[in-house]
Every structure is written in C-alpha cells, then in structure tokens.
Amino acid sequence: MPPLCDYARPEEYYSTLFHEHVHSTGHKNRLDRSGITELAAFGDESYSKEELVAEIGAAMLCGVAGIDNTTMENSAAYVGSWLRRLKDDKKLIVQAAGQAQKAADYILGVAFDEAG
C-alpha cells in the first residue's frame, strides 16, 4: 500500500486498503476463493471476478466505516468496468456480492456458517 500521504483524501486510502484486505481473505487458509488461490492473468475471468469481489467488499467496509459517497461512486465505476467484462454471467453480481459479504464479515470478525 502506498502511504496515506500519497492519496488526495484519506477516504481514498482507506477504500484502497479495504480492497486489498478483501483480496487477502481469499487465501486458502481463510476463505479460499479461486480468484486468489488459482493463477489468474490480468483481465481473465477469474481475475475479473476477484476484482469485483474486492471492490464490492471494499464498498461494504467503507459503508461500515462511514466513508462518504464520493469514494463509493468511484467504487461503483470500477465495479461497472469488471461487470462489462463478465456480462454473460447473469448470476455473477449476486455471487460476487455474497463472497464480498463473507470477506467483509471475516475482516470484521463476524461469524457466519459455511452453508450461508
């Protein structure tokens, strides 16, 4: 992570930090997401799905932290770019949001069961 002083606003730093934290939850010893545990090239389907999960999760964490809508709007634009790449998968946004919620819960220490 670049230092806080490299960002125009602190909210942008924390949004990026949350995005990277969501990625970290995909490790095989955490939530074991394929976008992290499998080799993926920039822009391929697995990479794109993981970016979508990370950005949605970061937006969720920004909401919990009370970070303003400007950062959320930037996140929405980023999510939209990945969705365009994955437009043929009609279930993708629901699946990505579910994985993002699990990641946010993991980071926040909220318990969840494996079935849900």
PDB file of N, CA and C in Angstrom:
ATOM      1  N   MET A   1       0.834  -1.186   0.000  1.00  0.00           N
ATOM      2  CA  MET A   1       0.000   0.000   0.000  1.00  0.00           C
ATOM      3  C   MET A   1       0.875   1.246   0.000  1.00  0.00           C
ATOM      4  N   PRO A   2       0.577   2.159  -0.898  1.00  0.00           N
ATOM      5  CA  PRO A   2       1.260   3.455  -0.813  1.00  0.00           C
ATOM      6  C   PRO A   2       0.873   4.144   0.499  1.00  0.00           C
ATOM      7  N   PRO A   3       1.723   5.026   0.992  1.00  0.00           N
ATOM      8  CA  PRO A   3       1.391   5.699   2.249  1.00  0.00           C
ATOM      9  C   PRO A   3       0.196   6.641   2.097  1.00  0.00           C
ATOM     10  N   LEU A   4      -0.446   6.917   3.207  1.00  0.00           N
ATOM     11  CA  LEU A   4      -1.619   7.785   3.254  1.00  0.00           C
ATOM     12  C   LEU A   4      -1.371   9.126   2.573  1.00  0.00           C
ATOM     13  N   CYS A   5      -0.172   9.663   2.721  1.00  0.00           N
ATOM     14  CA  CYS A   5       0.134  10.980   2.143  1.00  0.00           C
ATOM     15  C   CYS A   5       0.116  10.987   0.619  1.00  0.00           C
ATOM     16  N   ASP A   6       0.145   9.813  -0.002  1.00  0.00           N
ATOM     17  CA  ASP A   6       0.097   9.730  -1.466  1.00  0.00           C
ATOM     18  C   ASP A   6      -1.319   9.844  -2.020  1.00  0.00           C
ATOM     19  N   TYR A   7      -2.303   9.899  -1.170  1.00  0.00           N
ATOM     20  CA  TYR A   7      -3.702   9.974  -1.601  1.00  0.00           C
ATOM     21  C   TYR A   7      -4.229  11.388  -1.410  1.00  0.00           C
ATOM     22  N   ALA A   8      -5.093  11.811  -2.322  1.00  0.00           N
ATOM     23  CA  ALA A   8      -5.678  13.150  -2.254  1.00  0.00           C
ATOM     24  C   ALA A   8      -6.555  13.306  -1.012  1.00  0.00           C
ATOM     25  N   ARG A   9      -7.217  12.227  -0.624  1.00  0.00           N
ATOM     26  CA  ARG A   9      -8.118  12.249   0.537  1.00  0.00           C
ATOM     27  C   ARG A   9      -7.926  10.970   1.341  1.00  0.00           C
ATOM     28  N   PRO A  10      -8.019  11.050   2.651  1.00  0.00           N
ATOM     29  CA  PRO A  10      -7.870   9.841   3.477  1.00  0.00           C
ATOM     30  C   PRO A  10      -8.868   8.744   3.093  1.00  0.00           C
ATOM     31  N   GLU A  11     -10.077   9.124   2.688  1.00  0.00           N
ATOM     32  CA  GLU A  11     -11.096   8.144   2.316  1.00  0.00           C
ATOM     33  C   GLU A  11     -10.636   7.268   1.154  1.00  0.00           C
ATOM     34  N   GLU A  12      -9.883   7.846   0.228  1.00  0.00           N
ATOM     35  CA  GLU A  12      -9.370   7.083  -0.910  1.00  0.00           C
ATOM     36  C   GLU A  12      -8.354   6.046  -0.448  1.00  0.00           C
ATOM     37  N   TYR A  13      -7.539   6.420   0.516  1.00  0.00           N
ATOM     38  CA  TYR A  13      -6.568   5.485   1.092  1.00  0.00           C
ATOM     39  C   TYR A  13      -7.294   4.301   1.719  1.00  0.00           C
ATOM     40  N   TYR A  14      -8.292   4.594   2.559  1.00  0.00           N
ATOM     41  CA  TYR A  14      -8.977   3.513   3.264  1.00  0.00           C
ATOM     42  C   TYR A  14      -9.791   2.643   2.317  1.00  0.00           C
ATOM     43  N   SER A  15     -10.358   3.220   1.294  1.00  0.00           N
ATOM     44  CA  SER A  15     -11.074   2.428   0.296  1.00  0.00           C
ATOM     45  C   SER A  15     -10.122   1.442  -0.381  1.00  0.00           C
ATOM     46  N   THR A  16      -8.934   1.916  -0.726  1.00  0.00           N
ATOM     47  CA  THR A  16      -7.921   1.049  -1.346  1.00  0.00           C
ATOM     48  C   THR A  16      -7.441  -0.008  -0.357  1.00  0.00           C
ATOM     49  N   LEU A  17      -7.212   0.400   0.881  1.00  0.00           N
ATOM     50  CA  LEU A  17      -6.782  -0.534   1.916  1.00  0.00           C
ATOM     51  C   LEU A  17      -7.831  -1.639   2.111  1.00  0.00           C
ATOM     52  N   PHE A  18      -9.098  -1.254   2.181  1.00  0.00           N
ATOM     53  CA  PHE A  18     -10.167  -2.248   2.337  1.00  0.00           C
ATOM     54  C   PHE A  18     -10.197  -3.203   1.140  1.00  0.00           C
ATOM     55  N   HIS A  19     -10.009  -2.672  -0.063  1.00  0.00           N
ATOM     56  CA  HIS A  19      -9.972  -3.501  -1.277  1.00  0.00           C
ATOM     57  C   HIS A  19      -8.883  -4.565  -1.143  1.00  0.00           C
ATOM     58  N   GLU A  20      -7.707  -4.152  -0.719  1.00  0.00           N
ATOM     59  CA  GLU A  20      -6.594  -5.095  -0.576  1.00  0.00           C
ATOM     60  C   GLU A  20      -6.843  -6.088   0.563  1.00  0.00           C
ATOM     61  N   HIS A  21      -7.457  -5.631   1.628  1.00  0.00           N
ATOM     62  CA  HIS A  21      -7.806  -6.551   2.727  1.00  0.00           C
ATOM     63  C   HIS A  21      -8.792  -7.613   2.252  1.00  0.00           C
ATOM     64  N   VAL A  22      -9.762  -7.213   1.441  1.00  0.00           N
ATOM     65  CA  VAL A  22     -10.717  -8.204   0.913  1.00  0.00           C
ATOM     66  C   VAL A  22      -9.970  -9.236   0.087  1.00  0.00           C
ATOM     67  N   HIS A  23      -9.038  -8.802  -0.760  1.00  0.00           N
ATOM     68  CA  HIS A  23      -8.225  -9.775  -1.503  1.00  0.00           C
ATOM     69  C   HIS A  23      -7.553 -10.760  -0.537  1.00  0.00           C
ATOM     70  N   SER A  24      -7.038 -10.254   0.567  1.00  0.00           N
ATOM     71  CA  SER A  24      -6.297 -11.118   1.496  1.00  0.00           C
ATOM     72  C   SER A  24      -7.171 -12.214   2.103  1.00  0.00           C
ATOM     73  N   THR A  25      -8.463 -12.005   2.163  1.00  0.00           N
ATOM     74  CA  THR A  25      -9.348 -13.030   2.734  1.00  0.00           C
ATOM     75  C   THR A  25      -9.514 -14.226   1.813  1.00  0.00           C
ATOM     76  N   GLY A  26      -9.101 -14.099   0.566  1.00  0.00           N
ATOM     77  CA  GLY A  26      -9.237 -15.197  -0.384  1.00  0.00           C
ATOM     78  C   GLY A  26      -8.195 -16.294  -0.232  1.00  0.00           C
ATOM     79  N   HIS A  27      -7.177 -16.057   0.582  1.00  0.00           N
ATOM     80  CA  HIS A  27      -6.110 -17.041   0.807  1.00  0.00           C
ATOM     81  C   HIS A  27      -6.702 -18.391   1.212  1.00  0.00           C
ATOM     82  N   LYS A  28      -6.030 -19.470   0.839  1.00  0.00           N
ATOM     83  CA  LYS A  28      -6.547 -20.823   1.104  1.00  0.00           C
ATOM     84  C   LYS A  28      -6.778 -21.102   2.580  1.00  0.00           C
ATOM     85  N   ASN A  29      -6.060 -20.426   3.463  1.00  0.00           N
ATOM     86  CA  ASN A  29      -6.244 -20.613   4.900  1.00  0.00           C
ATOM     87  C   ASN A  29      -7.307 -19.685   5.486  1.00  0.00           C
ATOM     88  N   ARG A  30      -7.946 -18.900   4.624  1.00  0.00           N
ATOM     89  CA  ARG A  30      -9.009 -18.003   5.092  1.00  0.00           C
ATOM     90  C   ARG A  30     -10.304 -18.441   4.414  1.00  0.00           C
ATOM     91  N   LEU A  31     -10.735 -17.726   3.362  1.00  0.00           N
ATOM     92  CA  LEU A  31     -11.998 -18.070   2.697  1.00  0.00           C
ATOM     93  C   LEU A  31     -11.809 -18.887   1.415  1.00  0.00           C
ATOM     94  N   ASP A  32     -10.568 -19.068   0.991  1.00  0.00           N
ATOM     95  CA  ASP A  32     -10.232 -19.972  -0.116  1.00  0.00           C
ATOM     96  C   ASP A  32     -11.003 -19.660  -1.400  1.00  0.00           C
ATOM     97  N   ARG A  33     -10.875 -18.399  -1.894  1.00  0.00           N
ATOM     98  CA  ARG A  33     -11.527 -18.014  -3.154  1.00  0.00           C
ATOM     99  C   ARG A  33     -10.622 -18.347  -4.328  1.00  0.00           C
ATOM    100  N   SER A  34     -11.208 -18.877  -5.380  1.00  0.00           N
ATOM    101  CA  SER A  34     -10.433 -19.302  -6.550  1.00  0.00           C
ATOM    102  C   SER A  34      -9.694 -18.144  -7.219  1.00  0.00           C
ATOM    103  N   GLY A  35     -10.226 -16.937  -7.134  1.00  0.00           N
ATOM    104  CA  GLY A  35      -9.559 -15.788  -7.742  1.00  0.00           C
ATOM    105  C   GLY A  35      -8.231 -15.456  -7.093  1.00  0.00           C
ATOM    106  N   ILE A  36      -8.004 -15.993  -5.902  1.00  0.00           N
ATOM    107  CA  ILE A  36      -6.740 -15.793  -5.185  1.00  0.00           C
ATOM    108  C   ILE A  36      -5.906 -17.065  -5.200  1.00  0.00           C
ATOM    109  N   THR A  37      -6.544 -18.203  -5.002  1.00  0.00           N
ATOM    110  CA  THR A  37      -5.797 -19.451  -4.846  1.00  0.00           C
ATOM    111  C   THR A  37      -5.336 -20.047  -6.170  1.00  0.00           C
ATOM    112  N   GLU A  38      -5.911 -19.624  -7.283  1.00  0.00           N
ATOM    113  CA  GLU A  38      -5.503 -20.115  -8.604  1.00  0.00           C
ATOM    114  C   GLU A  38      -4.761 -19.013  -9.343  1.00  0.00           C
ATOM    115  N   LEU A  39      -3.840 -19.409 -10.204  1.00  0.00           N
ATOM    116  CA  LEU A  39      -3.107 -18.452 -11.024  1.00  0.00           C
ATOM    117  C   LEU A  39      -4.068 -17.810 -12.018  1.00  0.00           C
ATOM    118  N   ALA A  40      -4.097 -16.492 -12.047  1.00  0.00           N
ATOM    119  CA  ALA A  40      -5.010 -15.781 -12.943  1.00  0.00           C
ATOM    120  C   ALA A  40      -4.257 -14.635 -13.618  1.00  0.00           C
ATOM    121  N   ALA A  41      -4.436 -14.513 -14.921  1.00  0.00           N
ATOM    122  CA  ALA A  41      -3.814 -13.430 -15.676  1.00  0.00           C
ATOM    123  C   ALA A  41      -4.692 -12.183 -15.593  1.00  0.00           C
ATOM    124  N   PHE A  42      -4.063 -11.008 -15.660  1.00  0.00           N
ATOM    125  CA  PHE A  42      -4.808  -9.757 -15.608  1.00  0.00           C
ATOM    126  C   PHE A  42      -5.925  -9.770 -16.647  1.00  0.00           C
ATOM    127  N   GLY A  43      -7.138  -9.478 -16.198  1.00  0.00           N
ATOM    128  CA  GLY A  43      -8.265  -9.355 -17.106  1.00  0.00           C
ATOM    129  C   GLY A  43      -8.993 -10.643 -17.431  1.00  0.00           C
ATOM    130  N   ASP A  44      -8.447 -11.806 -17.055  1.00  0.00           N
ATOM    131  CA  ASP A  44      -9.183 -13.029 -17.371  1.00  0.00           C
ATOM    132  C   ASP A  44     -10.383 -13.170 -16.429  1.00  0.00           C
ATOM    133  N   GLU A  45     -11.214 -14.170 -16.647  1.00  0.00           N
ATOM    134  CA  GLU A  45     -12.462 -14.298 -15.914  1.00  0.00           C
ATOM    135  C   GLU A  45     -12.255 -14.407 -14.414  1.00  0.00           C
ATOM    136  N   SER A  46     -11.335 -15.242 -13.976  1.00  0.00           N
ATOM    137  CA  SER A  46     -11.090 -15.434 -12.553  1.00  0.00           C
ATOM    138  C   SER A  46     -10.576 -14.144 -11.910  1.00  0.00           C
ATOM    139  N   TYR A  47      -9.662 -13.474 -12.579  1.00  0.00           N
ATOM    140  CA  TYR A  47      -9.118 -12.209 -12.081  1.00  0.00           C
ATOM    141  C   TYR A  47     -10.227 -11.165 -11.987  1.00  0.00           C
ATOM    142  N   SER A  48     -11.050 -11.081 -13.029  1.00  0.00           N
ATOM    143  CA  SER A  48     -12.125 -10.097 -13.065  1.00  0.00           C
ATOM    144  C   SER A  48     -13.126 -10.328 -11.940  1.00  0.00           C
ATOM    145  N   LYS A  49     -13.467 -11.585 -11.700  1.00  0.00           N
ATOM    146  CA  LYS A  49     -14.402 -11.900 -10.612  1.00  0.00           C
ATOM    147  C   LYS A  49     -13.807 -11.515  -9.265  1.00  0.00           C
ATOM    148  N   GLU A  50     -12.547 -11.794  -9.054  1.00  0.00           N
ATOM    149  CA  GLU A  50     -11.904 -11.450  -7.786  1.00  0.00           C
ATOM    150  C   GLU A  50     -11.861  -9.938  -7.596  1.00  0.00           C
ATOM    151  N   GLU A  51     -11.586  -9.194  -8.644  1.00  0.00           N
ATOM    152  CA  GLU A  51     -11.597  -7.731  -8.540  1.00  0.00           C
ATOM    153  C   GLU A  51     -12.986  -7.226  -8.181  1.00  0.00           C
ATOM    154  N   LEU A  52     -13.996  -7.834  -8.749  1.00  0.00           N
ATOM    155  CA  LEU A  52     -15.370  -7.461  -8.439  1.00  0.00           C
ATOM    156  C   LEU A  52     -15.674  -7.730  -6.971  1.00  0.00           C
ATOM    157  N   VAL A  53     -15.294  -8.891  -6.472  1.00  0.00           N
ATOM    158  CA  VAL A  53     -15.484  -9.234  -5.059  1.00  0.00           C
ATOM    159  C   VAL A  53     -14.757  -8.219  -4.176  1.00  0.00           C
ATOM    160  N   ALA A  54     -13.513  -7.911  -4.509  1.00  0.00           N
ATOM    161  CA  ALA A  54     -12.720  -6.987  -3.696  1.00  0.00           C
ATOM    162  C   ALA A  54     -13.328  -5.592  -3.676  1.00  0.00           C
ATOM    163  N   GLU A  55     -13.829  -5.155  -4.792  1.00  0.00           N
ATOM    164  CA  GLU A  55     -14.372  -3.801  -4.842  1.00  0.00           C
ATOM    165  C   GLU A  55     -15.720  -3.708  -4.133  1.00  0.00           C
ATOM    166  N   ILE A  56     -16.550  -4.721  -4.282  1.00  0.00           N
ATOM    167  CA  ILE A  56     -17.827  -4.725  -3.561  1.00  0.00           C
ATOM    168  C   ILE A  56     -17.563  -4.824  -2.060  1.00  0.00           C
ATOM    169  N   GLY A  57     -16.654  -5.688  -1.665  1.00  0.00           N
ATOM    170  CA  GLY A  57     -16.306  -5.810  -0.253  1.00  0.00           C
ATOM    171  C   GLY A  57     -15.754  -4.513   0.309  1.00  0.00           C
ATOM    172  N   ALA A  58     -14.919  -3.843  -0.454  1.00  0.00           N
ATOM    173  CA  ALA A  58     -14.374  -2.553  -0.015  1.00  0.00           C
ATOM    174  C   ALA A  58     -15.489  -1.529   0.159  1.00  0.00           C
ATOM    175  N   ALA A  59     -16.450  -1.528  -0.751  1.00  0.00           N
ATOM    176  CA  ALA A  59     -17.586  -0.608  -0.626  1.00  0.00           C
ATOM    177  C   ALA A  59     -18.395  -0.919   0.638  1.00  0.00           C
ATOM    178  N   MET A  60     -18.564  -2.197   0.934  1.00  0.00           N
ATOM    179  CA  MET A  60     -19.277  -2.583   2.153  1.00  0.00           C
ATOM    180  C   MET A  60     -18.532  -2.084   3.389  1.00  0.00           C
ATOM    181  N   LEU A  61     -17.220  -2.267   3.411  1.00  0.00           N
ATOM    182  CA  LEU A  61     -16.420  -1.831   4.546  1.00  0.00           C
ATOM    183  C   LEU A  61     -16.389  -0.309   4.658  1.00  0.00           C
ATOM    184  N   CYS A  62     -16.387   0.376   3.527  1.00  0.00           N
ATOM    185  CA  CYS A  62     -16.473   1.843   3.560  1.00  0.00           C
ATOM    186  C   CYS A  62     -17.784   2.271   4.212  1.00  0.00           C
ATOM    187  N   GLY A  63     -18.857   1.576   3.880  1.00  0.00           N
ATOM    188  CA  GLY A  63     -20.143   1.891   4.491  1.00  0.00           C
ATOM    189  C   GLY A  63     -20.110   1.708   5.996  1.00  0.00           C
ATOM    190  N   VAL A  64     -19.511   0.621   6.460  1.00  0.00           N
ATOM    191  CA  VAL A  64     -19.391   0.367   7.901  1.00  0.00           C
ATOM    192  C   VAL A  64     -18.552   1.457   8.562  1.00  0.00           C
ATOM    193  N   ALA A  65     -17.506   1.890   7.874  1.00  0.00           N
ATOM    194  CA  ALA A  65     -16.602   2.895   8.423  1.00  0.00           C
ATOM    195  C   ALA A  65     -17.137   4.321   8.289  1.00  0.00           C
ATOM    196  N   GLY A  66     -18.248   4.485   7.580  1.00  0.00           N
ATOM    197  CA  GLY A  66     -18.823   5.814   7.395  1.00  0.00           C
ATOM    198  C   GLY A  66     -18.092   6.667   6.378  1.00  0.00           C
ATOM    199  N   ILE A  67     -17.419   6.015   5.445  1.00  0.00           N
ATOM    200  CA  ILE A  67     -16.698   6.750   4.402  1.00  0.00           C
ATOM    201  C   ILE A  67     -17.696   7.235   3.362  1.00  0.00           C
ATOM    202  N   ASP A  68     -17.519   8.456   2.923  1.00  0.00           N
ATOM    203  CA  ASP A  68     -18.517   9.159   2.114  1.00  0.00           C
ATOM    204  C   ASP A  68     -18.808   8.556   0.737  1.00  0.00           C
ATOM    205  N   ASN A  69     -19.884   9.057   0.149  1.00  0.00           N
ATOM    206  CA  ASN A  69     -20.379   8.561  -1.139  1.00  0.00           C
ATOM    207  C   ASN A  69     -19.435   8.807  -2.299  1.00  0.00           C
ATOM    208  N   THR A  70     -18.577   9.810  -2.242  1.00  0.00           N
ATOM    209  CA  THR A  70     -17.658  10.079  -3.348  1.00  0.00           C
ATOM    210  C   THR A  70     -16.792   8.863  -3.616  1.00  0.00           C
ATOM    211  N   THR A  71     -16.260   8.280  -2.557  1.00  0.00           N
ATOM    212  CA  THR A  71     -15.443   7.082  -2.712  1.00  0.00           C
ATOM    213  C   THR A  71     -16.292   5.930  -3.216  1.00  0.00           C
ATOM    214  N   MET A  72     -17.530   5.828  -2.737  1.00  0.00           N
ATOM    215  CA  MET A  72     -18.432   4.770  -3.186  1.00  0.00           C
ATOM    216  C   MET A  72     -18.730   4.911  -4.679  1.00  0.00           C
ATOM    217  N   GLU A  73     -18.866   6.149  -5.159  1.00  0.00           N
ATOM    218  CA  GLU A  73     -19.114   6.359  -6.582  1.00  0.00           C
ATOM    219  C   GLU A  73     -17.932   5.878  -7.410  1.00  0.00           C
ATOM    220  N   ASN A  74     -16.714   6.121  -6.932  1.00  0.00           N
ATOM    221  CA  ASN A  74     -15.527   5.617  -7.627  1.00  0.00           C
ATOM    222  C   ASN A  74     -15.541   4.093  -7.650  1.00  0.00           C
ATOM    223  N   SER A  75     -15.930   3.492  -6.540  1.00  0.00           N
ATOM    224  CA  SER A  75     -16.031   2.036  -6.466  1.00  0.00           C
ATOM    225  C   SER A  75     -17.066   1.516  -7.446  1.00  0.00           C
ATOM    226  N   ALA A  76     -18.196   2.188  -7.535  1.00  0.00           N
ATOM    227  CA  ALA A  76     -19.260   1.761  -8.448  1.00  0.00           C
ATOM    228  C   ALA A  76     -18.777   1.779  -9.892  1.00  0.00           C
ATOM    229  N   ALA A  77     -18.005   2.782 -10.259  1.00  0.00           N
ATOM    230  CA  ALA A  77     -17.464   2.843 -11.618  1.00  0.00           C
ATOM    231  C   ALA A  77     -16.505   1.691 -11.869  1.00  0.00           C
ATOM    232  N   TYR A  78     -15.692   1.363 -10.885  1.00  0.00           N
ATOM    233  CA  TYR A  78     -14.736   0.262 -11.008  1.00  0.00           C
ATOM    234  C   TYR A  78     -15.471  -1.069 -11.132  1.00  0.00           C
ATOM    235  N   VAL A  79     -16.487  -1.266 -10.293  1.00  0.00           N
ATOM    236  CA  VAL A  79     -17.301  -2.481 -10.365  1.00  0.00           C
ATOM    237  C   VAL A  79     -17.936  -2.592 -11.746  1.00  0.00           C
ATOM    238  N   GLY A  80     -18.449  -1.486 -12.258  1.00  0.00           N
ATOM    239  CA  GLY A  80     -19.072  -1.494 -13.578  1.00  0.00           C
ATOM    240  C   GLY A  80     -18.120  -1.939 -14.670  1.00  0.00           C
ATOM    241  N   SER A  81     -16.853  -1.552 -14.569  1.00  0.00           N
ATOM    242  CA  SER A  81     -15.894  -1.950 -15.599  1.00  0.00           C
ATOM    243  C   SER A  81     -15.680  -3.458 -15.593  1.00  0.00           C
ATOM    244  N   TRP A  82     -15.657  -4.087 -14.408  1.00  0.00           N
ATOM    245  CA  TRP A  82     -15.493  -5.531 -14.339  1.00  0.00           C
ATOM    246  C   TRP A  82     -16.765  -6.247 -14.768  1.00  0.00           C
ATOM    247  N   LEU A  83     -17.906  -5.680 -14.436  1.00  0.00           N
ATOM    248  CA  LEU A  83     -19.170  -6.298 -14.858  1.00  0.00           C
ATOM    249  C   LEU A  83     -19.287  -6.328 -16.380  1.00  0.00           C
ATOM    250  N   ARG A  84     -18.825  -5.287 -17.035  1.00  0.00           N
ATOM    251  CA  ARG A  84     -18.877  -5.277 -18.512  1.00  0.00           C
ATOM    252  C   ARG A  84     -18.050  -6.431 -19.086  1.00  0.00           C
ATOM    253  N   ARG A  85     -16.938  -6.746 -18.451  1.00  0.00           N
ATOM    254  CA  ARG A  85     -16.101  -7.861 -18.911  1.00  0.00           C
ATOM    255  C   ARG A  85     -16.800  -9.201 -18.714  1.00  0.00           C
ATOM    256  N   LEU A  86     -17.695  -9.247 -17.752  1.00  0.00           N
ATOM    257  CA  LEU A  86     -18.316 -10.508 -17.360  1.00  0.00           C
ATOM    258  C   LEU A  86     -19.821 -10.501 -17.656  1.00  0.00           C
ATOM    259  N   LYS A  87     -20.245  -9.767 -18.657  1.00  0.00           N
ATOM    260  CA  LYS A  87     -21.668  -9.532 -18.919  1.00  0.00           C
ATOM    261  C   LYS A  87     -22.471 -10.791 -19.218  1.00  0.00           C
ATOM    262  N   ASP A  88     -21.854 -11.863 -19.642  1.00  0.00           N
ATOM    263  CA  ASP A  88     -22.590 -13.075 -19.986  1.00  0.00           C
ATOM    264  C   ASP A  88     -22.983 -13.911 -18.772  1.00  0.00           C
ATOM    265  N   ASP A  89     -22.451 -13.604 -17.603  1.00  0.00           N
ATOM    266  CA  ASP A  89     -22.732 -14.363 -16.388  1.00  0.00           C
ATOM    267  C   ASP A  89     -23.807 -13.627 -15.590  1.00  0.00           C
ATOM    268  N   LYS A  90     -25.040 -14.049 -15.738  1.00  0.00           N
ATOM    269  CA  LYS A  90     -26.178 -13.356 -15.124  1.00  0.00           C
ATOM    270  C   LYS A  90     -26.210 -13.490 -13.605  1.00  0.00           C
ATOM    271  N   LYS A  91     -25.558 -14.498 -13.045  1.00  0.00           N
ATOM    272  CA  LYS A  91     -25.565 -14.715 -11.595  1.00  0.00           C
ATOM    273  C   LYS A  91     -24.365 -14.083 -10.916  1.00  0.00           C
ATOM    274  N   LEU A  92     -23.478 -13.528 -11.705  1.00  0.00           N
ATOM    275  CA  LEU A  92     -22.197 -13.061 -11.187  1.00  0.00           C
ATOM    276  C   LEU A  92     -22.325 -12.041 -10.064  1.00  0.00           C
ATOM    277  N   ILE A  93     -23.134 -11.025 -10.242  1.00  0.00           N
ATOM    278  CA  ILE A  93     -23.190  -9.957  -9.245  1.00  0.00           C
ATOM    279  C   ILE A  93     -23.683 -10.480  -7.903  1.00  0.00           C
ATOM    280  N   VAL A  94     -24.635 -11.400  -7.937  1.00  0.00           N
ATOM    281  CA  VAL A  94     -25.148 -11.972  -6.694  1.00  0.00           C
ATOM    282  C   VAL A  94     -24.069 -12.827  -6.025  1.00  0.00           C
ATOM    283  N   GLN A  95     -23.380 -13.643  -6.811  1.00  0.00           N
ATOM    284  CA  GLN A  95     -22.314 -14.484  -6.259  1.00  0.00           C
ATOM    285  C   GLN A  95     -21.171 -13.623  -5.716  1.00  0.00           C
ATOM    286  N   ALA A  96     -20.787 -12.600  -6.475  1.00  0.00           N
ATOM    287  CA  ALA A  96     -19.692 -11.726  -6.047  1.00  0.00           C
ATOM    288  C   ALA A  96     -20.074 -10.979  -4.772  1.00  0.00           C
ATOM    289  N   ALA A  97     -21.309 -10.514  -4.700  1.00  0.00           N
ATOM    290  CA  ALA A  97     -21.754  -9.806  -3.500  1.00  0.00           C
ATOM    291  C   ALA A  97     -21.754 -10.741  -2.285  1.00  0.00           C
ATOM    292  N   GLY A  98     -22.150 -11.984  -2.494  1.00  0.00           N
ATOM    293  CA  GLY A  98     -22.118 -12.961  -1.403  1.00  0.00           C
ATOM    294  C   GLY A  98     -20.705 -13.214  -0.908  1.00  0.00           C
ATOM    295  N   GLN A  99     -19.772 -13.365  -1.852  1.00  0.00           N
ATOM    296  CA  GLN A  99     -18.376 -13.568  -1.466  1.00  0.00           C
ATOM    297  C   GLN A  99     -17.807 -12.319  -0.801  1.00  0.00           C
ATOM    298  N   ALA A 100     -18.207 -11.155  -1.293  1.00  0.00           N
ATOM    299  CA  ALA A 100     -17.746  -9.899  -0.700  1.00  0.00           C
ATOM    300  C   ALA A 100     -18.270  -9.758   0.729  1.00  0.00           C
ATOM    301  N   GLN A 101     -19.512 -10.158   0.952  1.00  0.00           N
ATOM    302  CA  GLN A 101     -20.075 -10.082   2.303  1.00  0.00           C
ATOM    303  C   GLN A 101     -19.321 -11.010   3.250  1.00  0.00           C
ATOM    304  N   LYS A 102     -19.002 -12.211   2.776  1.00  0.00           N
ATOM    305  CA  LYS A 102     -18.222 -13.142   3.608  1.00  0.00           C
ATOM    306  C   LYS A 102     -16.857 -12.544   3.937  1.00  0.00           C
ATOM    307  N   ALA A 103     -16.234 -11.888   2.954  1.00  0.00           N
ATOM    308  CA  ALA A 103     -14.926 -11.270   3.192  1.00  0.00           C
ATOM    309  C   ALA A 103     -15.044 -10.136   4.200  1.00  0.00           C
ATOM    310  N   ALA A 104     -16.048  -9.288   4.034  1.00  0.00           N
ATOM    311  CA  ALA A 104     -16.244  -8.178   4.973  1.00  0.00           C
ATOM    312  C   ALA A 104     -16.512  -8.716   6.377  1.00  0.00           C
ATOM    313  N   ASP A 105     -17.340  -9.743   6.471  1.00  0.00           N
ATOM    314  CA  ASP A 105     -17.624 -10.356   7.770  1.00  0.00           C
ATOM    315  C   ASP A 105     -16.345 -10.928   8.388  1.00  0.00           C
ATOM    316  N   TYR A 106     -15.532 -11.566   7.574  1.00  0.00           N
ATOM    317  CA  TYR A 106     -14.264 -12.139   8.054  1.00  0.00           C
ATOM    318  C   TYR A 106     -13.379 -11.032   8.638  1.00  0.00           C
ATOM    319  N   ILE A 107     -13.259  -9.945   7.894  1.00  0.00           N
ATOM    320  CA  ILE A 107     -12.422  -8.822   8.330  1.00  0.00           C
ATOM    321  C   ILE A 107     -12.970  -8.212   9.621  1.00  0.00           C
ATOM    322  N   LEU A 108     -14.280  -8.116   9.720  1.00  0.00           N
ATOM    323  CA  LEU A 108     -14.920  -7.508  10.885  1.00  0.00           C
ATOM    324  C   LEU A 108     -15.063  -8.474  12.056  1.00  0.00           C
ATOM    325  N   GLY A 109     -14.717  -9.734  11.827  1.00  0.00           N
ATOM    326  CA  GLY A 109     -14.815 -10.727  12.892  1.00  0.00           C
ATOM    327  C   GLY A 109     -16.236 -11.200  13.151  1.00  0.00           C
ATOM    328  N   VAL A 110     -17.094 -11.070  12.145  1.00  0.00           N
ATOM    329  CA  VAL A 110     -18.475 -11.517  12.266  1.00  0.00           C
ATOM    330  C   VAL A 110     -18.533 -12.988  11.887  1.00  0.00           C
ATOM    331  N   ALA A 111     -19.124 -13.800  12.741  1.00  0.00           N
ATOM    332  CA  ALA A 111     -19.230 -15.240  12.475  1.00  0.00           C
ATOM    333  C   ALA A 111     -20.294 -15.498  11.422  1.00  0.00           C
ATOM    334  N   PHE A 112     -20.030 -16.496  10.584  1.00  0.00           N
ATOM    335  CA  PHE A 112     -21.017 -16.957   9.604  1.00  0.00           C
ATOM    336  C   PHE A 112     -20.845 -18.461   9.464  1.00  0.00           C
ATOM    337  N   ASP A 113     -21.910 -19.114   9.018  1.00  0.00           N
ATOM    338  CA  ASP A 113     -21.776 -20.559   8.814  1.00  0.00           C
ATOM    339  C   ASP A 113     -21.426 -20.842   7.372  1.00  0.00           C
ATOM    340  N   GLU A 114     -20.813 -21.973   7.128  1.00  0.00           N
ATOM    341  CA  GLU A 114     -20.355 -22.359   5.790  1.00  0.00           C
ATOM    342  C   GLU A 114     -21.495 -22.515   4.800  1.00  0.00           C
ATOM    343  N   ALA A 115     -22.686 -22.842   5.251  1.00  0.00           N
ATOM    344  CA  ALA A 115     -23.826 -23.040   4.357  1.00  0.00           C
ATOM    345  C   ALA A 115     -24.357 -21.717   3.849  1.00  0.00           C
ATOM    346  N   GLY A 116     -24.172 -20.640   4.582  1.00  0.00           N
ATOM    347  CA  GLY A 116     -24.757 -19.348   4.243  1.00  0.00           C
ATOM    348  C   GLY A 116     -23.782 -18.422   3.693  1.00  0.00           C
TER     349      GLY A 116
END
